Amino acid sequence: MKENKDTVADFRDDYPKFTPEMKYTHKILVPDMLPFHFEIIVDFLRKEGWDIEVLHNDSRAVIDEGLKHVHNDTCYPALCVTGQFIDALKSGKYDTEHTAVMITQSGGGCRASNYIPLIRKALKAEFPKVPVISLNFAGLEKDSGFPMGLKTLLKLAFSVFYGDTLMSLYNQCKPYELEEGASDKAREDCLQIICTAIDKNKYRSYKKWTKAMLERFSQVKRSNEKKVKVGIVGEIYVKYSPLGNSHLEDFLYSEGCEPVVPALMDFVLYCAVNNINDAKLYNKKSAATPLFKLAYKYLHHVQVKIIRITEKYGFEPLHDFEHLRRCADKVINQGVKMGEGWLIPAEMAALAETGTDNIVCAQPFGCLPNHIAGKGTIRTLKQMYEHENIVAVDYDPSATKVNQENRIKLMLATARENLLQNNRK
């Protein structure tokens, strides 16, 4: 028995660790998940001395590499992330002796909590000297070598706020712009504004920078044409990642629609509230519970202020998280917190209440919590909201982009008919 225990211990320690000294010698690769937010986050981390690069390889070879190294019963996001790392390392662009990969972990009760060992196993077969860095707040990996002090946490939090605002404003302007490329130019200008603010350690002046972004996008000349608005909800990776959702937002633009993507900060607050709810619902208290309460109170306060500023400029604000919680209570208990849990039906309800009746619920293969809390609540939501038009789209290695887009086109046909009827009234 002792020999078996030693063997298990040896196996757990038999992987390269990212040490603090590697900050000066290694390039860190990050999967392409958040096109708006990562540009801000990577910029300030680079200025702090980290050599970080967001991967944009998204060919079929990425999926094939994922299939080679990850069991096909594992969730699709894990396959995409692993495949993107392996494909990039095989490209010859990187010195694999001085390269590391980084992945975030929420610590939830789903397969995502096993990404690190999955990626390590894949890298051991092909690139055994490449360490894996876990960016998590649940204590899953205590020796990641990546420091997370209060200053860095605050920069990350405000990067999320600014990334959410930038994403929302861009989506509200891009489909209606009268001058092609005007929204992209506004996006680049706003990125420069925010990155400069963070560089000068003035990032907490969120009112000033939010107004600056709103004023810049107000300069984009837009048509008054009524277009179909399509909300995107679901598992966090496929909701935001172009690789994971087959470039869903680009497809909606090509169909003349306005994508409406909920804020990433909602997921951050969801994770904080779940820790608070654990104490209330399951008597699962810890020393961190008061810290989560404090963090939630502060972040929600900032979110509400940003919402009020956005409304003054005539743009549609992102949802108030407390409103999302009330929406969830109409559909499902907040104790349902595996994966994205109650957040998915809450977002679908909130979208319906703010005029976005058409929704794509992104369903990655192998994500059981998403199928239960997402697809499982659609019938109830349709009963609650008469005009809600929801399509659940599966994203997996065998699903073709054509089939996915055809399912969405069927939903859009109904959406256009409803829009036409509303315009006649």
Protein backbone atom coordinates (compact mmCIF):
# COMPACT_ATOMS: atom_id res chain seq x y z
CA MET A 1 0.00 0.00 0.00
CA LYS A 2 2.83 2.40 0.87
CA GLU A 3 4.39 1.82 -2.53
CA ASN A 4 1.15 2.77 -4.26
CA LYS A 5 0.86 5.99 -2.27
CA ASP A 6 4.42 6.95 -3.14
CA THR A 7 3.70 6.23 -6.80
CA VAL A 8 0.65 8.52 -6.73
CA ALA A 9 2.67 11.27 -5.03
CA ASP A 10 5.46 10.94 -7.57
CA PHE A 11 2.94 11.15 -10.42
CA ARG A 12 1.39 14.32 -9.01
CA ASP A 13 4.78 16.01 -8.71
CA ASP A 14 6.10 14.73 -12.03
CA TYR A 15 5.51 17.89 -14.05
CA PRO A 16 7.47 21.10 -14.69
CA LYS A 17 6.55 23.95 -12.36
CA PHE A 18 6.52 27.62 -13.28
CA THR A 19 8.86 29.37 -10.87
CA PRO A 20 9.05 33.14 -10.19
CA GLU A 21 12.41 33.28 -11.99
CA MET A 22 10.75 32.14 -15.23
CA LYS A 23 9.06 35.53 -15.51
CA TYR A 24 12.29 36.76 -17.08
CA THR A 25 13.00 33.76 -19.30
CA HIS A 26 9.64 32.35 -20.51
CA LYS A 27 6.90 33.41 -22.91
CA ILE A 28 3.41 32.62 -21.61
CA LEU A 29 0.72 31.50 -24.06
CA VAL A 30 -2.96 32.20 -23.28
CA PRO A 31 -5.97 30.68 -25.13
CA ASP A 32 -8.14 33.06 -27.14
CA MET A 33 -11.28 33.39 -25.01
CA LEU A 34 -12.06 37.07 -24.48
CA PRO A 35 -11.25 39.19 -27.56
CA PHE A 36 -11.99 42.52 -25.85
CA HIS A 37 -10.87 41.89 -22.27
CA PHE A 38 -7.60 40.08 -22.99
CA GLU A 39 -6.21 42.99 -25.02
CA ILE A 40 -6.45 45.16 -21.91
CA ILE A 41 -5.21 42.51 -19.46
CA VAL A 42 -2.28 41.38 -21.60
CA ASP A 43 -1.20 44.99 -22.17
CA PHE A 44 -0.78 45.80 -18.47
CA LEU A 45 0.84 42.44 -17.70
CA ARG A 46 3.40 43.04 -20.44
CA LYS A 47 4.20 46.44 -18.97
CA GLU A 48 4.81 44.69 -15.65
CA GLY A 49 7.46 42.54 -17.28
CA TRP A 50 5.50 39.45 -18.33
CA ASP A 51 5.98 38.13 -21.85
CA ILE A 52 2.40 37.05 -22.64
CA GLU A 53 0.78 36.25 -25.96
CA VAL A 54 -2.87 35.49 -26.73
CA LEU A 55 -3.21 32.69 -29.28
CA HIS A 56 -5.37 33.23 -32.35
CA ASN A 57 -4.81 29.95 -34.20
CA ASP A 58 -8.27 28.53 -34.91
CA SER A 59 -7.98 26.16 -37.86
CA ARG A 60 -9.36 22.62 -37.90
CA ALA A 61 -5.87 21.47 -36.89
CA VAL A 62 -6.55 22.93 -33.43
CA ILE A 63 -9.59 20.69 -32.95
CA ASP A 64 -7.73 17.67 -34.35
CA GLU A 65 -4.87 18.19 -31.88
CA GLY A 66 -7.40 18.44 -29.08
CA LEU A 67 -9.00 15.15 -30.14
CA LYS A 68 -5.59 13.46 -30.13
CA HIS A 69 -4.79 14.43 -26.56
CA VAL A 70 -8.14 14.77 -24.75
CA HIS A 71 -10.69 12.00 -24.30
CA ASN A 72 -13.66 12.69 -26.56
CA ASP A 73 -16.02 12.40 -23.60
CA THR A 74 -14.43 15.51 -22.04
CA CYS A 75 -16.09 18.89 -22.53
CA TYR A 76 -15.52 20.75 -25.78
CA PRO A 77 -13.83 23.84 -24.21
CA ALA A 78 -11.12 21.61 -22.70
CA LEU A 79 -10.52 20.10 -26.12
CA CYS A 80 -10.30 23.54 -27.77
CA VAL A 81 -7.88 24.96 -25.19
CA THR A 82 -5.60 21.91 -25.21
CA GLY A 83 -5.65 21.75 -28.99
CA GLN A 84 -4.82 25.45 -29.31
CA PHE A 85 -1.79 25.05 -27.02
CA ILE A 86 -0.44 21.95 -28.78
CA ASP A 87 -1.03 23.38 -32.27
CA ALA A 88 0.78 26.61 -31.34
CA LEU A 89 3.74 24.78 -29.80
CA LYS A 90 4.03 22.62 -32.93
CA SER A 91 4.08 25.67 -35.19
CA GLY A 92 7.78 26.27 -34.61
CA LYS A 93 7.16 29.89 -33.59
CA TYR A 94 8.09 29.29 -29.96
CA ASP A 95 11.15 28.09 -28.07
CA THR A 96 9.56 25.24 -26.15
CA GLU A 97 12.44 25.27 -23.68
CA HIS A 98 11.33 28.75 -22.61
CA THR A 99 7.56 28.68 -23.07
CA ALA A 100 4.72 28.19 -20.59
CA VAL A 101 0.94 28.06 -20.96
CA MET A 102 -1.68 29.68 -18.72
CA ILE A 103 -5.31 28.76 -18.06
CA THR A 104 -7.91 30.13 -15.65
CA GLN A 105 -9.85 27.85 -13.27
CA SER A 106 -13.04 28.83 -11.48
CA GLY A 107 -12.96 25.82 -9.16
CA GLY A 108 -16.58 24.88 -9.89
CA GLY A 109 -18.01 21.39 -9.74
CA CYS A 110 -17.49 20.59 -13.41
CA ARG A 111 -14.87 19.25 -15.79
CA ALA A 112 -13.26 22.70 -16.05
CA SER A 113 -11.63 22.08 -12.67
CA ASN A 114 -9.66 19.25 -14.31
CA TYR A 115 -8.22 21.31 -17.17
CA ILE A 116 -4.78 21.57 -15.57
CA PRO A 117 -4.09 17.81 -15.29
CA LEU A 118 -5.57 17.29 -18.77
CA ILE A 119 -3.26 19.90 -20.29
CA ARG A 120 -0.28 18.62 -18.33
CA LYS A 121 -0.88 15.09 -19.57
CA ALA A 122 -1.10 16.32 -23.17
CA LEU A 123 2.06 18.41 -22.86
CA LYS A 124 3.97 15.57 -21.21
CA ALA A 125 3.45 13.49 -24.35
CA GLU A 126 4.75 16.17 -26.73
CA PHE A 127 6.43 19.04 -24.84
CA PRO A 128 7.45 17.73 -21.40
CA LYS A 129 9.38 20.87 -20.43
CA VAL A 130 6.49 23.30 -20.88
CA PRO A 131 4.94 24.25 -17.50
CA VAL A 132 1.25 25.00 -16.96
CA ILE A 133 0.21 28.06 -14.94
CA SER A 134 -3.15 27.99 -13.16
CA LEU A 135 -4.80 31.38 -12.64
CA ASN A 136 -7.40 30.61 -9.99
CA PHE A 137 -8.82 31.96 -6.74
CA ALA A 138 -9.98 28.63 -5.28
CA GLY A 139 -6.62 27.27 -4.12
CA LEU A 140 -6.58 24.55 -6.78
CA GLU A 141 -2.93 25.08 -7.66
CA LYS A 142 -0.78 26.55 -4.91
CA ASP A 143 2.53 26.52 -6.77
CA SER A 144 1.63 28.23 -10.07
CA GLY A 145 4.41 30.81 -9.68
CA PHE A 146 2.16 33.64 -10.86
CA PRO A 147 1.79 36.33 -8.16
CA MET A 148 -1.70 37.68 -7.49
CA GLY A 149 -1.37 40.64 -5.14
CA LEU A 150 -4.13 43.14 -4.37
CA LYS A 151 -2.85 45.59 -6.97
CA THR A 152 -2.96 42.97 -9.73
CA LEU A 153 -6.43 41.83 -8.64
CA LEU A 154 -7.73 45.40 -8.82
CA LYS A 155 -6.25 45.86 -12.28
CA LEU A 156 -7.89 42.61 -13.40
CA ALA A 157 -11.26 43.69 -11.96
CA PHE A 158 -11.23 47.08 -13.67
CA SER A 159 -9.97 45.50 -16.90
CA VAL A 160 -13.09 43.34 -16.81
CA PHE A 161 -15.33 46.39 -16.27
CA TYR A 162 -13.70 48.29 -19.12
CA GLY A 163 -13.68 45.23 -21.38
CA ASP A 164 -17.40 44.70 -20.73
CA THR A 165 -18.22 48.32 -21.55
CA LEU A 166 -16.08 48.28 -24.68
CA MET A 167 -17.66 45.02 -25.89
CA SER A 168 -21.18 46.32 -25.30
CA LEU A 169 -20.61 49.69 -27.01
CA TYR A 170 -18.93 48.06 -30.00
CA ASN A 171 -21.83 45.63 -30.47
CA GLN A 172 -24.34 48.48 -30.26
CA CYS A 173 -22.52 50.48 -32.93
CA LYS A 174 -21.01 47.99 -35.37
CA PRO A 175 -24.27 46.76 -37.00
CA TYR A 176 -25.54 50.33 -37.50
CA GLU A 177 -22.40 52.26 -38.51
CA LEU A 178 -22.83 54.47 -41.58
CA GLU A 179 -19.09 54.62 -42.23
CA GLU A 180 -17.49 51.20 -42.55
CA GLY A 181 -14.76 50.66 -39.96
CA ALA A 182 -15.85 53.53 -37.70
CA SER A 183 -16.66 51.20 -34.80
CA ASP A 184 -13.33 49.43 -35.14
CA LYS A 185 -11.52 52.77 -35.03
CA ALA A 186 -13.49 53.75 -31.92
CA ARG A 187 -12.57 50.42 -30.33
CA GLU A 188 -8.86 50.98 -30.96
CA ASP A 189 -9.04 54.51 -29.59
CA CYS A 190 -10.80 53.30 -26.44
CA LEU A 191 -8.27 50.51 -25.94
CA GLN A 192 -5.54 53.12 -26.05
CA ILE A 193 -7.38 55.27 -23.51
CA ILE A 194 -7.86 52.39 -21.06
CA CYS A 195 -4.37 50.93 -21.45
CA THR A 196 -2.84 54.37 -20.83
CA ALA A 197 -5.03 54.83 -17.72
CA ILE A 198 -3.90 51.47 -16.32
CA ASP A 199 -0.28 52.20 -17.21
CA LYS A 200 -0.44 55.45 -15.22
CA ASN A 201 -2.21 53.69 -12.29
CA LYS A 202 -5.31 55.85 -12.79
CA TYR A 203 -7.55 52.90 -13.69
CA ARG A 204 -9.79 53.30 -10.61
CA SER A 205 -11.15 56.58 -11.99
CA TYR A 206 -13.76 54.45 -13.72
CA LYS A 207 -16.31 57.25 -14.12
CA LYS A 208 -13.83 59.31 -16.14
CA TRP A 209 -12.76 56.44 -18.40
CA THR A 210 -16.28 55.10 -18.88
CA LYS A 211 -17.42 58.57 -19.99
CA ALA A 212 -14.42 58.78 -22.34
CA MET A 213 -15.45 55.52 -24.03
CA LEU A 214 -19.09 56.57 -24.24
CA GLU A 215 -18.15 59.91 -25.78
CA ARG A 216 -15.90 58.23 -28.33
CA PHE A 217 -18.56 55.75 -29.45
CA SER A 218 -21.16 58.54 -29.52
CA GLN A 219 -19.12 59.95 -32.41
CA VAL A 220 -19.83 56.85 -34.53
CA LYS A 221 -22.61 57.84 -36.94
CA ARG A 222 -25.34 55.19 -36.89
CA SER A 223 -28.49 54.46 -38.83
CA ASN A 224 -31.91 54.32 -37.14
CA GLU A 225 -32.78 51.03 -38.81
CA LYS A 226 -34.41 48.46 -36.54
CA LYS A 227 -32.40 45.25 -36.50
CA VAL A 228 -32.80 41.90 -34.83
CA LYS A 229 -31.06 41.77 -31.45
CA VAL A 230 -29.65 38.37 -30.51
CA GLY A 231 -28.47 37.55 -27.01
CA ILE A 232 -25.65 35.07 -26.50
CA VAL A 233 -25.65 33.03 -23.30
CA GLY A 234 -24.25 29.69 -22.17
CA GLU A 235 -21.05 28.14 -20.89
CA ILE A 236 -18.47 30.87 -20.35
CA TYR A 237 -15.88 29.68 -22.88
CA VAL A 238 -18.18 29.14 -25.87
CA LYS A 239 -20.13 32.31 -24.99
CA TYR A 240 -17.07 34.51 -25.59
CA SER A 241 -14.45 32.53 -27.53
CA PRO A 242 -14.51 32.83 -31.35
CA LEU A 243 -12.83 29.41 -31.55
CA GLY A 244 -15.39 27.84 -29.22
CA ASN A 245 -18.50 29.29 -30.87
CA SER A 246 -17.41 29.19 -34.52
CA HIS A 247 -17.13 33.00 -34.69
CA LEU A 248 -20.77 33.43 -33.68
CA GLU A 249 -20.67 37.22 -33.34
CA ASP A 250 -19.16 37.63 -36.82
CA PHE A 251 -21.91 35.41 -38.22
CA LEU A 252 -24.60 37.52 -36.54
CA TYR A 253 -23.03 40.68 -37.99
CA SER A 254 -23.12 39.09 -41.46
CA GLU A 255 -26.82 38.37 -40.96
CA GLY A 256 -27.52 42.01 -40.15
CA CYS A 257 -28.09 41.40 -36.43
CA GLU A 258 -26.94 43.10 -33.24
CA PRO A 259 -25.22 40.64 -30.85
CA VAL A 260 -26.00 41.24 -27.19
CA VAL A 261 -23.38 39.58 -24.99
CA PRO A 262 -23.75 39.66 -21.18
CA ALA A 263 -20.90 41.05 -19.08
CA LEU A 264 -17.98 38.95 -17.91
CA MET A 265 -18.26 40.78 -14.58
CA ASP A 266 -21.58 38.97 -14.10
CA PHE A 267 -19.66 35.68 -13.96
CA VAL A 268 -17.16 37.17 -11.49
CA LEU A 269 -20.00 38.33 -9.24
CA TYR A 270 -21.75 34.98 -9.71
CA CYS A 271 -18.68 33.19 -8.34
CA ALA A 272 -18.51 35.59 -5.38
CA VAL A 273 -22.22 35.25 -4.58
CA ASN A 274 -22.03 31.47 -4.76
CA ASN A 275 -19.44 31.50 -1.98
CA ILE A 276 -21.73 33.74 0.07
CA ASN A 277 -24.74 31.52 -0.67
CA ASP A 278 -22.77 28.45 0.43
CA ALA A 279 -22.74 29.88 3.94
CA LYS A 280 -26.48 30.60 3.86
CA LEU A 281 -27.80 27.53 2.05
CA TYR A 282 -25.34 24.81 3.03
CA ASN A 283 -23.74 26.19 6.21
CA LYS A 284 -20.43 26.04 4.38
CA LYS A 285 -18.59 28.94 5.95
CA SER A 286 -14.91 29.71 5.63
CA ALA A 287 -12.43 32.43 6.52
CA ALA A 288 -12.84 33.72 2.96
CA THR A 289 -16.61 34.27 3.21
CA PRO A 290 -16.34 37.83 4.66
CA LEU A 291 -13.80 38.69 1.93
CA PHE A 292 -16.19 37.53 -0.77
CA LYS A 293 -18.94 39.68 0.77
CA LEU A 294 -16.65 42.71 0.79
CA ALA A 295 -15.48 42.11 -2.78
CA TYR A 296 -19.05 41.62 -3.99
CA LYS A 297 -20.28 44.80 -2.34
CA TYR A 298 -17.50 46.88 -3.89
CA LEU A 299 -17.69 45.40 -7.40
CA HIS A 300 -21.48 45.64 -7.52
CA HIS A 301 -21.26 49.27 -6.41
CA VAL A 302 -18.93 50.05 -9.34
CA GLN A 303 -21.17 48.12 -11.74
CA VAL A 304 -24.25 50.14 -10.75
CA LYS A 305 -22.38 53.43 -11.21
CA ILE A 306 -21.25 52.38 -14.71
CA ILE A 307 -24.83 51.42 -15.60
CA ARG A 308 -26.11 54.86 -14.60
CA ILE A 309 -23.41 56.64 -16.61
CA THR A 310 -24.16 54.49 -19.67
CA GLU A 311 -27.87 55.30 -19.52
CA LYS A 312 -27.14 59.06 -19.57
CA TYR A 313 -25.41 58.67 -22.94
CA GLY A 314 -28.35 56.84 -24.52
CA PHE A 315 -26.70 53.43 -24.80
CA GLU A 316 -28.24 50.22 -23.51
CA PRO A 317 -26.45 49.39 -20.24
CA LEU A 318 -25.32 45.97 -19.16
CA HIS A 319 -27.47 44.21 -16.56
CA ASP A 320 -27.44 45.04 -12.87
CA PHE A 321 -26.33 41.82 -11.20
CA GLU A 322 -28.91 42.15 -8.42
CA HIS A 323 -31.57 42.24 -11.16
CA LEU A 324 -30.06 39.05 -12.58
CA ARG A 325 -30.43 37.40 -9.17
CA ARG A 326 -34.09 38.39 -9.04
CA CYS A 327 -34.57 36.99 -12.54
CA ALA A 328 -32.97 33.73 -11.47
CA ASP A 329 -35.34 33.41 -8.54
CA LYS A 330 -38.26 33.36 -10.98
CA VAL A 331 -36.87 30.29 -12.71
CA ILE A 332 -34.43 28.33 -10.56
CA ASN A 333 -32.93 28.31 -7.07
CA GLN A 334 -29.60 30.07 -6.56
CA GLY A 335 -28.34 26.91 -4.92
CA VAL A 336 -28.01 25.45 -8.43
CA LYS A 337 -24.45 26.59 -9.04
CA MET A 338 -22.61 23.84 -10.90
CA GLY A 339 -20.87 25.34 -13.92
CA GLU A 340 -22.72 28.50 -14.93
CA GLY A 341 -25.79 27.18 -13.08
CA TRP A 342 -28.52 29.70 -12.33
CA LEU A 343 -26.67 32.47 -14.20
CA ILE A 344 -27.75 31.10 -17.61
CA PRO A 345 -31.55 31.25 -17.09
CA ALA A 346 -31.08 34.55 -15.23
CA GLU A 347 -29.39 36.07 -18.29
CA MET A 348 -32.06 34.71 -20.63
CA ALA A 349 -34.82 36.18 -18.45
CA ALA A 350 -33.04 39.54 -18.12
CA LEU A 351 -32.51 39.72 -21.88
CA ALA A 352 -36.21 39.09 -22.49
CA GLU A 353 -37.14 41.83 -20.02
CA THR A 354 -34.90 44.36 -21.78
CA GLY A 355 -36.13 43.77 -25.33
CA THR A 356 -33.79 41.02 -26.53
CA ASP A 357 -36.23 38.17 -27.15
CA ASN A 358 -33.96 36.21 -29.51
CA ILE A 359 -31.29 34.16 -27.79
CA VAL A 360 -28.60 31.65 -28.74
CA CYS A 361 -27.87 29.33 -25.83
CA ALA A 362 -24.39 27.96 -26.56
CA GLN A 363 -24.16 24.33 -25.44
CA PRO A 364 -20.65 22.83 -25.44
CA PHE A 365 -20.51 19.06 -25.66
CA GLY A 366 -19.85 17.38 -22.33
CA CYS A 367 -21.00 20.33 -20.18
CA LEU A 368 -23.70 18.65 -18.11
CA PRO A 369 -24.42 21.66 -15.84
CA ASN A 370 -24.94 23.85 -18.90
CA HIS A 371 -27.42 21.45 -20.48
CA ILE A 372 -29.43 21.18 -17.26
CA ALA A 373 -29.45 24.86 -16.25
CA GLY A 374 -29.51 26.13 -19.84
CA LYS A 375 -31.53 23.88 -22.12
CA GLY A 376 -33.45 22.48 -19.15
CA THR A 377 -35.01 25.86 -18.32
CA ILE A 378 -35.93 26.99 -21.84
CA ARG A 379 -39.49 25.64 -21.67
CA THR A 380 -40.17 27.50 -18.41
CA LEU A 381 -38.71 30.71 -19.83
CA LYS A 382 -40.87 30.50 -22.96
CA GLN A 383 -43.92 30.10 -20.76
CA MET A 384 -42.90 33.17 -18.75
CA TYR A 385 -42.03 35.37 -21.74
CA GLU A 386 -44.48 35.01 -24.61
CA HIS A 387 -42.18 36.24 -27.38
CA GLU A 388 -38.90 34.68 -26.21
CA ASN A 389 -37.26 32.95 -29.17
CA ILE A 390 -34.46 30.66 -27.96
CA VAL A 391 -32.31 28.19 -29.85
CA ALA A 392 -29.86 25.86 -28.12
CA VAL A 393 -26.84 25.27 -30.35
CA ASP A 394 -24.40 22.43 -29.70
CA TYR A 395 -20.69 23.07 -30.16
CA ASP A 396 -18.58 19.94 -30.37
CA PRO A 397 -15.84 18.40 -32.57
CA SER A 398 -18.33 16.66 -34.89
CA ALA A 399 -20.77 19.57 -35.29
CA THR A 400 -20.25 21.44 -38.55
CA LYS A 401 -20.36 25.21 -38.75
CA VAL A 402 -22.99 24.91 -41.51
CA ASN A 403 -25.37 22.96 -39.27
CA GLN A 404 -24.84 25.37 -36.38
CA GLU A 405 -25.53 28.39 -38.58
CA ASN A 406 -28.58 26.75 -40.16
CA ARG A 407 -30.11 26.27 -36.71
CA ILE A 408 -29.48 29.91 -35.92
CA LYS A 409 -30.93 30.98 -39.29
CA LEU A 410 -34.19 29.21 -38.43
CA MET A 411 -34.33 31.20 -35.20
CA LEU A 412 -33.53 34.41 -37.11
CA ALA A 413 -36.36 33.76 -39.58
CA THR A 414 -38.82 33.82 -36.69
CA ALA A 415 -37.05 36.85 -35.22
CA ARG A 416 -37.35 38.84 -38.46
CA GLU A 417 -41.01 37.97 -38.78
CA ASN A 418 -41.64 39.17 -35.21
CA LEU A 419 -39.67 42.38 -35.88
CA LEU A 420 -41.71 43.05 -39.02
CA GLN A 421 -44.96 42.59 -37.12
CA ASN A 422 -43.80 44.93 -34.36
CA ASN A 423 -42.82 47.60 -36.89
CA ARG A 424 -46.33 47.45 -38.42
CA LYS A 425 -47.98 48.15 -35.08
